[in-house]
Amino acid sequence: MAEQPFTDDEYAFLRHARFGELPLAVRPDERIELTETESRTDRPEVLDDPVHWNLRHAG
């Protein structure tokens, strides 16, 4: 016997059970433009050409 596919209401319930209540959408008049003001801190500053650094310390 073939299984019956879920209805839209059942899919909506499963989404709610898995992800919970979604936050309200941000209205266009509430959006702001992002401006980066400081340098990135997730990478160190390059002090030398990385190609030369790799060649000097390769072996």
C-alpha atoms as a PDB file:
ATOM      1  CA  MET A   1       0.000   0.000   0.000  1.00  0.00           C
ATOM      2  CA  ALA A   2       1.429   3.400  -1.012  1.00  0.00           C
ATOM      3  CA  GLU A   3       1.849   6.043   1.665  1.00  0.00           C
ATOM      4  CA  GLN A   4      -0.272   9.161   1.381  1.00  0.00           C
ATOM      5  CA  PRO A   5       1.741  12.401   1.002  1.00  0.00           C
ATOM      6  CA  PHE A   6       1.401  15.003   3.747  1.00  0.00           C
ATOM      7  CA  THR A   7      -1.141  17.780   3.357  1.00  0.00           C
ATOM      8  CA  ASP A   8      -0.096  21.441   3.498  1.00  0.00           C
ATOM      9  CA  ASP A   9      -1.437  21.679   7.054  1.00  0.00           C
ATOM     10  CA  GLU A  10       0.600  18.655   8.130  1.00  0.00           C
ATOM     11  CA  TYR A  11       3.753  20.109   6.545  1.00  0.00           C
ATOM     12  CA  ALA A  12       3.077  23.412   8.341  1.00  0.00           C
ATOM     13  CA  PHE A  13       2.759  21.552  11.656  1.00  0.00           C
ATOM     14  CA  LEU A  14       6.009  19.634  11.047  1.00  0.00           C
ATOM     15  CA  ARG A  15       7.870  22.870  10.192  1.00  0.00           C
ATOM     16  CA  HIS A  16       6.546  24.482  13.376  1.00  0.00           C
ATOM     17  CA  ALA A  17       7.502  21.431  15.447  1.00  0.00           C
ATOM     18  CA  ARG A  18      11.036  21.443  14.036  1.00  0.00           C
ATOM     19  CA  PHE A  19      11.843  25.172  13.857  1.00  0.00           C
ATOM     20  CA  GLY A  20       9.388  26.764  16.273  1.00  0.00           C
ATOM     21  CA  GLU A  21       7.896  30.191  15.799  1.00  0.00           C
ATOM     22  CA  LEU A  22       9.615  32.297  13.164  1.00  0.00           C
ATOM     23  CA  PRO A  23      10.470  35.928  13.965  1.00  0.00           C
ATOM     24  CA  LEU A  24       8.507  38.657  12.244  1.00  0.00           C
ATOM     25  CA  ALA A  25       9.883  39.824   8.898  1.00  0.00           C
ATOM     26  CA  VAL A  26      11.864  43.077   8.919  1.00  0.00           C
ATOM     27  CA  ARG A  27      10.002  45.815   7.091  1.00  0.00           C
ATOM     28  CA  PRO A  28      11.916  47.798   4.452  1.00  0.00           C
ATOM     29  CA  ASP A  29      11.656  51.012   6.504  1.00  0.00           C
ATOM     30  CA  GLU A  30      13.331  49.225   9.463  1.00  0.00           C
ATOM     31  CA  ARG A  31      16.364  48.121   7.447  1.00  0.00           C
ATOM     32  CA  ILE A  32      19.664  49.968   7.680  1.00  0.00           C
ATOM     33  CA  GLU A  33      22.750  49.969   5.500  1.00  0.00           C
ATOM     34  CA  LEU A  34      25.755  48.204   7.000  1.00  0.00           C
ATOM     35  CA  THR A  35      29.020  50.104   6.954  1.00  0.00           C
ATOM     36  CA  GLU A  36      32.251  48.400   7.982  1.00  0.00           C
ATOM     37  CA  THR A  37      34.344  50.809  10.034  1.00  0.00           C
ATOM     38  CA  GLU A  38      37.201  48.659  11.328  1.00  0.00           C
ATOM     39  CA  SER A  39      39.495  46.143   9.714  1.00  0.00           C
ATOM     40  CA  ARG A  40      38.596  42.472   9.929  1.00  0.00           C
ATOM     41  CA  THR A  41      39.942  40.678  12.981  1.00  0.00           C
ATOM     42  CA  ASP A  42      39.442  37.117  11.751  1.00  0.00           C
ATOM     43  CA  ARG A  43      42.650  37.161   9.649  1.00  0.00           C
ATOM     44  CA  PRO A  44      46.121  38.437  10.562  1.00  0.00           C
ATOM     45  CA  GLU A  45      47.502  41.322   8.564  1.00  0.00           C
ATOM     46  CA  VAL A  46      49.782  40.328   5.705  1.00  0.00           C
ATOM     47  CA  LEU A  47      53.267  41.621   6.516  1.00  0.00           C
ATOM     48  CA  ASP A  48      54.949  40.230   3.436  1.00  0.00           C
ATOM     49  CA  ASP A  49      53.957  38.687   0.139  1.00  0.00           C
ATOM     50  CA  PRO A  50      52.481  35.260   1.085  1.00  0.00           C
ATOM     51  CA  VAL A  51      54.133  33.590  -1.918  1.00  0.00           C
ATOM     52  CA  HIS A  52      57.601  34.597  -0.706  1.00  0.00           C
ATOM     53  CA  TRP A  53      56.758  33.601   2.866  1.00  0.00           C
ATOM     54  CA  ASN A  54      55.675  30.128   1.745  1.00  0.00           C
ATOM     55  CA  LEU A  55      58.853  29.655  -0.298  1.00  0.00           C
ATOM     56  CA  ARG A  56      61.158  30.724   2.560  1.00  0.00           C
ATOM     57  CA  HIS A  57      59.564  28.365   5.092  1.00  0.00           C
ATOM     58  CA  ALA A  58      58.787  25.431   2.806  1.00  0.00           C
ATOM     59  CA  GLY A  59      61.422  23.060   3.696  1.00  0.00           C
END
